[in-house]
Amino acid sequence: EPYRRQRQMCIRDSCSRLITFETDSKTVHNVVFTFGCNGNGQGISALVEGMDVEQVIRLLSHIDCNGRGTSCPAQLAQALNEARTGKLVPLK
């Protein structure tokens, strides 16, 4: 199994305040949203578990919550993109 790296990103303009997740070279694992709608956070986490990083980014990046211009799923897509491009470093 490829080595997984855990990352966290503080998020703004959505109900959640923090996303913690793991990625290996291709897939998403163990997504946890802190604060926000617990049911939606758990649902998103269950749906993206084991999915391809690029696919999650494509599916979630344009979701808008109540005209905020972003959402918890869109923030996850942003965090995954930043992790993919090296802007979001793994936790130690």
PDB file of N, CA and C in Angstrom:
ATOM      1  N   GLU A   1       0.844  -1.194   0.000  1.00  0.00           N
ATOM      2  CA  GLU A   1       0.000   0.000   0.000  1.00  0.00           C
ATOM      3  C   GLU A   1       0.885   1.252   0.000  1.00  0.00           C
ATOM      4  N   PRO A   2       0.584   2.238  -0.841  1.00  0.00           N
ATOM      5  CA  PRO A   2       1.382   3.471  -0.885  1.00  0.00           C
ATOM      6  C   PRO A   2       1.331   4.213   0.447  1.00  0.00           C
ATOM      7  N   TYR A   3       2.364   4.968   0.704  1.00  0.00           N
ATOM      8  CA  TYR A   3       2.469   5.746   1.932  1.00  0.00           C
ATOM      9  C   TYR A   3       1.448   6.878   1.938  1.00  0.00           C
ATOM     10  N   ARG A   4       0.641   6.955   2.986  1.00  0.00           N
ATOM     11  CA  ARG A   4      -0.357   8.023   3.101  1.00  0.00           C
ATOM     12  C   ARG A   4       0.216   9.181   3.892  1.00  0.00           C
ATOM     13  N   ARG A   5      -0.178  10.384   3.504  1.00  0.00           N
ATOM     14  CA  ARG A   5       0.277  11.593   4.188  1.00  0.00           C
ATOM     15  C   ARG A   5      -0.925  12.375   4.664  1.00  0.00           C
ATOM     16  N   GLN A   6      -0.936  12.713   5.937  1.00  0.00           N
ATOM     17  CA  GLN A   6      -2.061  13.456   6.500  1.00  0.00           C
ATOM     18  C   GLN A   6      -1.817  14.950   6.351  1.00  0.00           C
ATOM     19  N   ARG A   7      -2.901  15.662   6.024  1.00  0.00           N
ATOM     20  CA  ARG A   7      -2.831  17.111   5.866  1.00  0.00           C
ATOM     21  C   ARG A   7      -4.044  17.749   6.526  1.00  0.00           C
ATOM     22  N   GLN A   8      -3.914  19.035   6.864  1.00  0.00           N
ATOM     23  CA  GLN A   8      -5.026  19.810   7.406  1.00  0.00           C
ATOM     24  C   GLN A   8      -5.055  21.152   6.700  1.00  0.00           C
ATOM     25  N   MET A   9      -6.269  21.673   6.542  1.00  0.00           N
ATOM     26  CA  MET A   9      -6.409  23.010   5.980  1.00  0.00           C
ATOM     27  C   MET A   9      -7.527  23.734   6.715  1.00  0.00           C
ATOM     28  N   CYS A  10      -7.234  24.918   7.227  1.00  0.00           N
ATOM     29  CA  CYS A  10      -8.276  25.780   7.794  1.00  0.00           C
ATOM     30  C   CYS A  10      -9.052  26.353   6.619  1.00  0.00           C
ATOM     31  N   ILE A  11     -10.361  26.414   6.768  1.00  0.00           N
ATOM     32  CA  ILE A  11     -11.180  26.896   5.661  1.00  0.00           C
ATOM     33  C   ILE A  11     -12.014  28.086   6.095  1.00  0.00           C
ATOM     34  N   ARG A  12     -12.393  28.898   5.110  1.00  0.00           N
ATOM     35  CA  ARG A  12     -13.163  30.111   5.349  1.00  0.00           C
ATOM     36  C   ARG A  12     -14.407  30.097   4.479  1.00  0.00           C
ATOM     37  N   ASP A  13     -15.355  30.911   4.859  1.00  0.00           N
ATOM     38  CA  ASP A  13     -16.565  31.124   4.060  1.00  0.00           C
ATOM     39  C   ASP A  13     -17.428  29.875   3.905  1.00  0.00           C
ATOM     40  N   SER A  14     -17.287  28.937   4.827  1.00  0.00           N
ATOM     41  CA  SER A  14     -18.190  27.783   4.868  1.00  0.00           C
ATOM     42  C   SER A  14     -18.425  27.426   6.330  1.00  0.00           C
ATOM     43  N   CYS A  15     -19.332  26.529   6.578  1.00  0.00           N
ATOM     44  CA  CYS A  15     -19.695  26.180   7.958  1.00  0.00           C
ATOM     45  C   CYS A  15     -18.563  25.469   8.695  1.00  0.00           C
ATOM     46  N   SER A  16     -17.845  24.601   8.002  1.00  0.00           N
ATOM     47  CA  SER A  16     -16.710  23.911   8.608  1.00  0.00           C
ATOM     48  C   SER A  16     -15.551  24.877   8.777  1.00  0.00           C
ATOM     49  N   ARG A  17     -14.676  24.570   9.720  1.00  0.00           N
ATOM     50  CA  ARG A  17     -13.524  25.437   9.959  1.00  0.00           C
ATOM     51  C   ARG A  17     -12.197  24.756   9.673  1.00  0.00           C
ATOM     52  N   LEU A  18     -12.211  23.422   9.582  1.00  0.00           N
ATOM     53  CA  LEU A  18     -10.970  22.682   9.383  1.00  0.00           C
ATOM     54  C   LEU A  18     -11.277  21.382   8.650  1.00  0.00           C
ATOM     55  N   ILE A  19     -10.439  21.025   7.706  1.00  0.00           N
ATOM     56  CA  ILE A  19     -10.535  19.734   7.030  1.00  0.00           C
ATOM     57  C   ILE A  19      -9.233  18.991   7.294  1.00  0.00           C
ATOM     58  N   THR A  20      -9.354  17.761   7.737  1.00  0.00           N
ATOM     59  CA  THR A  20      -8.205  16.875   7.894  1.00  0.00           C
ATOM     60  C   THR A  20      -8.419  15.708   6.940  1.00  0.00           C
ATOM     61  N   PHE A  21      -7.380  15.306   6.239  1.00  0.00           N
ATOM     62  CA  PHE A  21      -7.516  14.205   5.292  1.00  0.00           C
ATOM     63  C   PHE A  21      -6.158  13.573   5.033  1.00  0.00           C
ATOM     64  N   GLU A  22      -6.189  12.402   4.430  1.00  0.00           N
ATOM     65  CA  GLU A  22      -4.977  11.712   4.016  1.00  0.00           C
ATOM     66  C   GLU A  22      -5.048  11.466   2.517  1.00  0.00           C
ATOM     67  N   THR A  23      -3.882  11.495   1.885  1.00  0.00           N
ATOM     68  CA  THR A  23      -3.783  11.115   0.481  1.00  0.00           C
ATOM     69  C   THR A  23      -2.539  10.263   0.305  1.00  0.00           C
ATOM     70  N   ASP A  24      -2.615   9.333  -0.625  1.00  0.00           N
ATOM     71  CA  ASP A  24      -1.396   8.693  -1.102  1.00  0.00           C
ATOM     72  C   ASP A  24      -1.144   9.329  -2.463  1.00  0.00           C
ATOM     73  N   SER A  25      -0.494   8.690  -3.334  1.00  0.00           N
ATOM     74  CA  SER A  25      -0.181   9.345  -4.606  1.00  0.00           C
ATOM     75  C   SER A  25      -1.405   9.570  -5.487  1.00  0.00           C
ATOM     76  N   LYS A  26      -2.512   8.838  -5.234  1.00  0.00           N
ATOM     77  CA  LYS A  26      -3.653   8.943  -6.131  1.00  0.00           C
ATOM     78  C   LYS A  26      -5.016   9.041  -5.457  1.00  0.00           C
ATOM     79  N   THR A  27      -5.151   8.620  -4.213  1.00  0.00           N
ATOM     80  CA  THR A  27      -6.488   8.494  -3.622  1.00  0.00           C
ATOM     81  C   THR A  27      -6.655   9.270  -2.319  1.00  0.00           C
ATOM     82  N   VAL A  28      -7.918   9.513  -1.980  1.00  0.00           N
ATOM     83  CA  VAL A  28      -8.313  10.285  -0.805  1.00  0.00           C
ATOM     84  C   VAL A  28      -8.770   9.324   0.297  1.00  0.00           C
ATOM     85  N   HIS A  29      -8.381   9.613   1.539  1.00  0.00           N
ATOM     86  CA  HIS A  29      -8.761   8.767   2.667  1.00  0.00           C
ATOM     87  C   HIS A  29      -9.006   9.604   3.919  1.00  0.00           C
ATOM     88  N   ASN A  30      -9.858   9.092   4.778  1.00  0.00           N
ATOM     89  CA  ASN A  30     -10.048   9.620   6.144  1.00  0.00           C
ATOM     90  C   ASN A  30     -10.322  11.123   6.208  1.00  0.00           C
ATOM     91  N   VAL A  31     -11.258  11.595   5.408  1.00  0.00           N
ATOM     92  CA  VAL A  31     -11.623  13.011   5.428  1.00  0.00           C
ATOM     93  C   VAL A  31     -12.471  13.288   6.664  1.00  0.00           C
ATOM     94  N   VAL A  32     -12.104  14.346   7.403  1.00  0.00           N
ATOM     95  CA  VAL A  32     -12.861  14.760   8.588  1.00  0.00           C
ATOM     96  C   VAL A  32     -13.066  16.269   8.509  1.00  0.00           C
ATOM     97  N   PHE A  33     -14.316  16.693   8.599  1.00  0.00           N
ATOM     98  CA  PHE A  33     -14.651  18.116   8.670  1.00  0.00           C
ATOM     99  C   PHE A  33     -14.886  18.474  10.134  1.00  0.00           C
ATOM    100  N   THR A  34     -14.285  19.568  10.600  1.00  0.00           N
ATOM    101  CA  THR A  34     -14.482  20.037  11.966  1.00  0.00           C
ATOM    102  C   THR A  34     -15.471  21.192  11.939  1.00  0.00           C
ATOM    103  N   PHE A  35     -16.502  21.073  12.747  1.00  0.00           N
ATOM    104  CA  PHE A  35     -17.643  21.986  12.785  1.00  0.00           C
ATOM    105  C   PHE A  35     -18.463  21.817  11.508  1.00  0.00           C
ATOM    106  N   GLY A  36     -19.408  22.678  11.271  1.00  0.00           N
ATOM    107  CA  GLY A  36     -20.273  22.531  10.111  1.00  0.00           C
ATOM    108  C   GLY A  36     -21.346  21.480  10.353  1.00  0.00           C
ATOM    109  N   CYS A  37     -22.030  21.112   9.303  1.00  0.00           N
ATOM    110  CA  CYS A  37     -23.092  20.119   9.383  1.00  0.00           C
ATOM    111  C   CYS A  37     -22.480  18.730   9.497  1.00  0.00           C
ATOM    112  N   ASN A  38     -22.636  18.116  10.639  1.00  0.00           N
ATOM    113  CA  ASN A  38     -22.026  16.822  10.899  1.00  0.00           C
ATOM    114  C   ASN A  38     -22.470  15.764   9.888  1.00  0.00           C
ATOM    115  N   GLY A  39     -23.751  15.720   9.584  1.00  0.00           N
ATOM    116  CA  GLY A  39     -24.254  14.724   8.637  1.00  0.00           C
ATOM    117  C   GLY A  39     -23.682  14.904   7.244  1.00  0.00           C
ATOM    118  N   ASN A  40     -23.651  16.142   6.760  1.00  0.00           N
ATOM    119  CA  ASN A  40     -23.088  16.392   5.434  1.00  0.00           C
ATOM    120  C   ASN A  40     -21.594  16.075   5.400  1.00  0.00           C
ATOM    121  N   GLY A  41     -20.887  16.453   6.453  1.00  0.00           N
ATOM    122  CA  GLY A  41     -19.456  16.150   6.519  1.00  0.00           C
ATOM    123  C   GLY A  41     -19.194  14.653   6.473  1.00  0.00           C
ATOM    124  N   GLN A  42     -19.978  13.899   7.234  1.00  0.00           N
ATOM    125  CA  GLN A  42     -19.817  12.445   7.219  1.00  0.00           C
ATOM    126  C   GLN A  42     -20.178  11.866   5.849  1.00  0.00           C
ATOM    127  N   GLY A  43     -21.229  12.424   5.225  1.00  0.00           N
ATOM    128  CA  GLY A  43     -21.641  11.949   3.914  1.00  0.00           C
ATOM    129  C   GLY A  43     -20.574  12.184   2.860  1.00  0.00           C
ATOM    130  N   ILE A  44     -20.026  13.393   2.831  1.00  0.00           N
ATOM    131  CA  ILE A  44     -18.962  13.708   1.875  1.00  0.00           C
ATOM    132  C   ILE A  44     -17.771  12.786   2.118  1.00  0.00           C
ATOM    133  N   SER A  45     -17.408  12.625   3.385  1.00  0.00           N
ATOM    134  CA  SER A  45     -16.260  11.785   3.735  1.00  0.00           C
ATOM    135  C   SER A  45     -16.449  10.360   3.251  1.00  0.00           C
ATOM    136  N   ALA A  46     -17.653   9.808   3.458  1.00  0.00           N
ATOM    137  CA  ALA A  46     -17.931   8.430   3.037  1.00  0.00           C
ATOM    138  C   ALA A  46     -17.906   8.313   1.513  1.00  0.00           C
ATOM    139  N   LEU A  47     -18.437   9.303   0.829  1.00  0.00           N
ATOM    140  CA  LEU A  47     -18.504   9.243  -0.629  1.00  0.00           C
ATOM    141  C   LEU A  47     -17.138   9.344  -1.300  1.00  0.00           C
ATOM    142  N   VAL A  48     -16.233  10.134  -0.743  1.00  0.00           N
ATOM    143  CA  VAL A  48     -14.935  10.320  -1.393  1.00  0.00           C
ATOM    144  C   VAL A  48     -13.875   9.322  -0.928  1.00  0.00           C
ATOM    145  N   GLU A  49     -14.174   8.527   0.090  1.00  0.00           N
ATOM    146  CA  GLU A  49     -13.199   7.557   0.602  1.00  0.00           C
ATOM    147  C   GLU A  49     -12.721   6.636  -0.526  1.00  0.00           C
ATOM    148  N   GLY A  50     -11.411   6.634  -0.743  1.00  0.00           N
ATOM    149  CA  GLY A  50     -10.808   5.772  -1.750  1.00  0.00           C
ATOM    150  C   GLY A  50     -10.915   6.276  -3.184  1.00  0.00           C
ATOM    151  N   MET A  51     -11.535   7.442  -3.382  1.00  0.00           N
ATOM    152  CA  MET A  51     -11.675   7.991  -4.736  1.00  0.00           C
ATOM    153  C   MET A  51     -10.369   8.611  -5.218  1.00  0.00           C
ATOM    154  N   ASP A  52     -10.255   8.692  -6.524  1.00  0.00           N
ATOM    155  CA  ASP A  52      -9.125   9.348  -7.165  1.00  0.00           C
ATOM    156  C   ASP A  52      -9.135  10.839  -6.838  1.00  0.00           C
ATOM    157  N   VAL A  53      -7.983  11.378  -6.444  1.00  0.00           N
ATOM    158  CA  VAL A  53      -7.858  12.792  -6.069  1.00  0.00           C
ATOM    159  C   VAL A  53      -8.377  13.702  -7.181  1.00  0.00           C
ATOM    160  N   GLU A  54      -7.958  13.453  -8.415  1.00  0.00           N
ATOM    161  CA  GLU A  54      -8.368  14.303  -9.541  1.00  0.00           C
ATOM    162  C   GLU A  54      -9.878  14.273  -9.747  1.00  0.00           C
ATOM    163  N   GLN A  55     -10.487  13.112  -9.568  1.00  0.00           N
ATOM    164  CA  GLN A  55     -11.925  12.991  -9.730  1.00  0.00           C
ATOM    165  C   GLN A  55     -12.668  13.786  -8.653  1.00  0.00           C
ATOM    166  N   VAL A  56     -12.203  13.709  -7.416  1.00  0.00           N
ATOM    167  CA  VAL A  56     -12.833  14.465  -6.328  1.00  0.00           C
ATOM    168  C   VAL A  56     -12.728  15.960  -6.610  1.00  0.00           C
ATOM    169  N   ILE A  57     -11.568  16.414  -7.050  1.00  0.00           N
ATOM    170  CA  ILE A  57     -11.389  17.835  -7.374  1.00  0.00           C
ATOM    171  C   ILE A  57     -12.373  18.260  -8.455  1.00  0.00           C
ATOM    172  N   ARG A  58     -12.488  17.472  -9.523  1.00  0.00           N
ATOM    173  CA  ARG A  58     -13.409  17.799 -10.620  1.00  0.00           C
ATOM    174  C   ARG A  58     -14.859  17.843 -10.148  1.00  0.00           C
ATOM    175  N   LEU A  59     -15.255  16.870  -9.327  1.00  0.00           N
ATOM    176  CA  LEU A  59     -16.654  16.775  -8.910  1.00  0.00           C
ATOM    177  C   LEU A  59     -17.077  17.853  -7.911  1.00  0.00           C
ATOM    178  N   LEU A  60     -16.164  18.262  -7.028  1.00  0.00           N
ATOM    179  CA  LEU A  60     -16.553  19.112  -5.905  1.00  0.00           C
ATOM    180  C   LEU A  60     -16.164  20.576  -6.020  1.00  0.00           C
ATOM    181  N   SER A  61     -15.258  20.908  -6.919  1.00  0.00           N
ATOM    182  CA  SER A  61     -14.685  22.261  -6.906  1.00  0.00           C
ATOM    183  C   SER A  61     -15.675  23.380  -7.200  1.00  0.00           C
ATOM    184  N   HIS A  62     -16.779  23.108  -7.865  1.00  0.00           N
ATOM    185  CA  HIS A  62     -17.709  24.178  -8.239  1.00  0.00           C
ATOM    186  C   HIS A  62     -18.984  24.206  -7.416  1.00  0.00           C
ATOM    187  N   ILE A  63     -19.031  23.467  -6.314  1.00  0.00           N
ATOM    188  CA  ILE A  63     -20.240  23.453  -5.484  1.00  0.00           C
ATOM    189  C   ILE A  63     -20.299  24.724  -4.645  1.00  0.00           C
ATOM    190  N   ASP A  64     -21.448  25.383  -4.687  1.00  0.00           N
ATOM    191  CA  ASP A  64     -21.672  26.637  -3.964  1.00  0.00           C
ATOM    192  C   ASP A  64     -22.728  26.420  -2.880  1.00  0.00           C
ATOM    193  N   CYS A  65     -22.504  26.979  -1.710  1.00  0.00           N
ATOM    194  CA  CYS A  65     -23.448  26.865  -0.593  1.00  0.00           C
ATOM    195  C   CYS A  65     -24.095  28.221  -0.326  1.00  0.00           C
ATOM    196  N   ASN A  66     -25.357  28.332  -0.663  1.00  0.00           N
ATOM    197  CA  ASN A  66     -26.139  29.539  -0.356  1.00  0.00           C
ATOM    198  C   ASN A  66     -25.501  30.833  -0.855  1.00  0.00           C
ATOM    199  N   GLY A  67     -24.925  30.816  -2.042  1.00  0.00           N
ATOM    200  CA  GLY A  67     -24.362  32.031  -2.621  1.00  0.00           C
ATOM    201  C   GLY A  67     -23.058  32.498  -2.009  1.00  0.00           C
ATOM    202  N   ARG A  68     -22.381  31.650  -1.254  1.00  0.00           N
ATOM    203  CA  ARG A  68     -21.117  32.033  -0.610  1.00  0.00           C
ATOM    204  C   ARG A  68     -19.934  32.012  -1.571  1.00  0.00           C
ATOM    205  N   GLY A  69     -20.123  31.391  -2.725  1.00  0.00           N
ATOM    206  CA  GLY A  69     -19.013  31.270  -3.661  1.00  0.00           C
ATOM    207  C   GLY A  69     -18.141  30.059  -3.383  1.00  0.00           C
ATOM    208  N   THR A  70     -18.457  29.324  -2.355  1.00  0.00           N
ATOM    209  CA  THR A  70     -17.722  28.118  -1.999  1.00  0.00           C
ATOM    210  C   THR A  70     -18.628  27.242  -1.148  1.00  0.00           C
ATOM    211  N   SER A  71     -18.089  26.146  -0.661  1.00  0.00           N
ATOM    212  CA  SER A  71     -18.829  25.212   0.186  1.00  0.00           C
ATOM    213  C   SER A  71     -17.818  24.297   0.866  1.00  0.00           C
ATOM    214  N   CYS A  72     -18.280  23.486   1.785  1.00  0.00           N
ATOM    215  CA  CYS A  72     -17.376  22.512   2.407  1.00  0.00           C
ATOM    216  C   CYS A  72     -16.799  21.558   1.363  1.00  0.00           C
ATOM    217  N   PRO A  73     -17.621  20.997   0.440  1.00  0.00           N
ATOM    218  CA  PRO A  73     -17.035  20.142  -0.586  1.00  0.00           C
ATOM    219  C   PRO A  73     -16.038  20.891  -1.484  1.00  0.00           C
ATOM    220  N   ALA A  74     -16.349  22.128  -1.853  1.00  0.00           N
ATOM    221  CA  ALA A  74     -15.433  22.906  -2.690  1.00  0.00           C
ATOM    222  C   ALA A  74     -14.126  23.185  -1.954  1.00  0.00           C
ATOM    223  N   GLN A  75     -14.210  23.403  -0.642  1.00  0.00           N
ATOM    224  CA  GLN A  75     -13.002  23.627   0.142  1.00  0.00           C
ATOM    225  C   GLN A  75     -12.152  22.357   0.219  1.00  0.00           C
ATOM    226  N   LEU A  76     -12.807  21.193   0.286  1.00  0.00           N
ATOM    227  CA  LEU A  76     -12.058  19.929   0.228  1.00  0.00           C
ATOM    228  C   LEU A  76     -11.339  19.823  -1.113  1.00  0.00           C
ATOM    229  N   ALA A  77     -12.021  20.152  -2.203  1.00  0.00           N
ATOM    230  CA  ALA A  77     -11.391  20.120  -3.523  1.00  0.00           C
ATOM    231  C   ALA A  77     -10.189  21.057  -3.563  1.00  0.00           C
ATOM    232  N   GLN A  78     -10.327  22.231  -2.989  1.00  0.00           N
ATOM    233  CA  GLN A  78      -9.218  23.186  -2.958  1.00  0.00           C
ATOM    234  C   GLN A  78      -8.046  22.623  -2.154  1.00  0.00           C
ATOM    235  N   ALA A  79      -8.344  22.031  -0.997  1.00  0.00           N
ATOM    236  CA  ALA A  79      -7.287  21.454  -0.159  1.00  0.00           C
ATOM    237  C   ALA A  79      -6.572  20.324  -0.897  1.00  0.00           C
ATOM    238  N   LEU A  80      -7.330  19.481  -1.581  1.00  0.00           N
ATOM    239  CA  LEU A  80      -6.720  18.389  -2.340  1.00  0.00           C
ATOM    240  C   LEU A  80      -5.854  18.921  -3.469  1.00  0.00           C
ATOM    241  N   ASN A  81      -6.319  19.964  -4.130  1.00  0.00           N
ATOM    242  CA  ASN A  81      -5.531  20.569  -5.198  1.00  0.00           C
ATOM    243  C   ASN A  81      -4.236  21.158  -4.642  1.00  0.00           C
ATOM    244  N   GLU A  82      -4.317  21.825  -3.502  1.00  0.00           N
ATOM    245  CA  GLU A  82      -3.113  22.400  -2.897  1.00  0.00           C
ATOM    246  C   GLU A  82      -2.154  21.303  -2.442  1.00  0.00           C
ATOM    247  N   ALA A  83      -2.696  20.199  -1.937  1.00  0.00           N
ATOM    248  CA  ALA A  83      -1.843  19.071  -1.550  1.00  0.00           C
ATOM    249  C   ALA A  83      -1.172  18.474  -2.788  1.00  0.00           C
ATOM    250  N   ARG A  84      -1.930  18.344  -3.868  1.00  0.00           N
ATOM    251  CA  ARG A  84      -1.422  17.774  -5.119  1.00  0.00           C
ATOM    252  C   ARG A  84      -0.303  18.615  -5.709  1.00  0.00           C
ATOM    253  N   THR A  85      -0.419  19.938  -5.583  1.00  0.00           N
ATOM    254  CA  THR A  85       0.578  20.840  -6.171  1.00  0.00           C
ATOM    255  C   THR A  85       1.709  21.205  -5.203  1.00  0.00           C
ATOM    256  N   GLY A  86       1.635  20.673  -3.981  1.00  0.00           N
ATOM    257  CA  GLY A  86       2.712  20.924  -3.010  1.00  0.00           C
ATOM    258  C   GLY A  86       2.561  22.166  -2.181  1.00  0.00           C
ATOM    259  N   LYS A  87       1.449  22.890  -2.332  1.00  0.00           N
ATOM    260  CA  LYS A  87       1.222  24.112  -1.545  1.00  0.00           C
ATOM    261  C   LYS A  87       0.793  23.802  -0.109  1.00  0.00           C
ATOM    262  N   LEU A  88       0.187  22.636   0.087  1.00  0.00           N
ATOM    263  CA  LEU A  88      -0.283  22.226   1.411  1.00  0.00           C
ATOM    264  C   LEU A  88       0.585  21.068   1.863  1.00  0.00           C
ATOM    265  N   VAL A  89       1.467  21.331   2.810  1.00  0.00           N
ATOM    266  CA  VAL A  89       2.437  20.319   3.219  1.00  0.00           C
ATOM    267  C   VAL A  89       1.828  19.333   4.211  1.00  0.00           C
ATOM    268  N   PRO A  90       2.354  18.106   4.235  1.00  0.00           N
ATOM    269  CA  PRO A  90       1.850  17.101   5.186  1.00  0.00           C
ATOM    270  C   PRO A  90       2.147  17.496   6.621  1.00  0.00           C
ATOM    271  N   LEU A  91       1.321  16.982   7.545  1.00  0.00           N
ATOM    272  CA  LEU A  91       1.588  17.159   8.962  1.00  0.00           C
ATOM    273  C   LEU A  91       2.799  16.325   9.338  1.00  0.00           C
ATOM    274  N   LYS A  92       3.483  16.758  10.330  1.00  0.00           N
ATOM    275  CA  LYS A  92       4.673  16.012  10.788  1.00  0.00           C
ATOM    276  C   LYS A  92       4.274  14.858  11.662  1.00  0.00           C
TER     277      LYS A  92
END
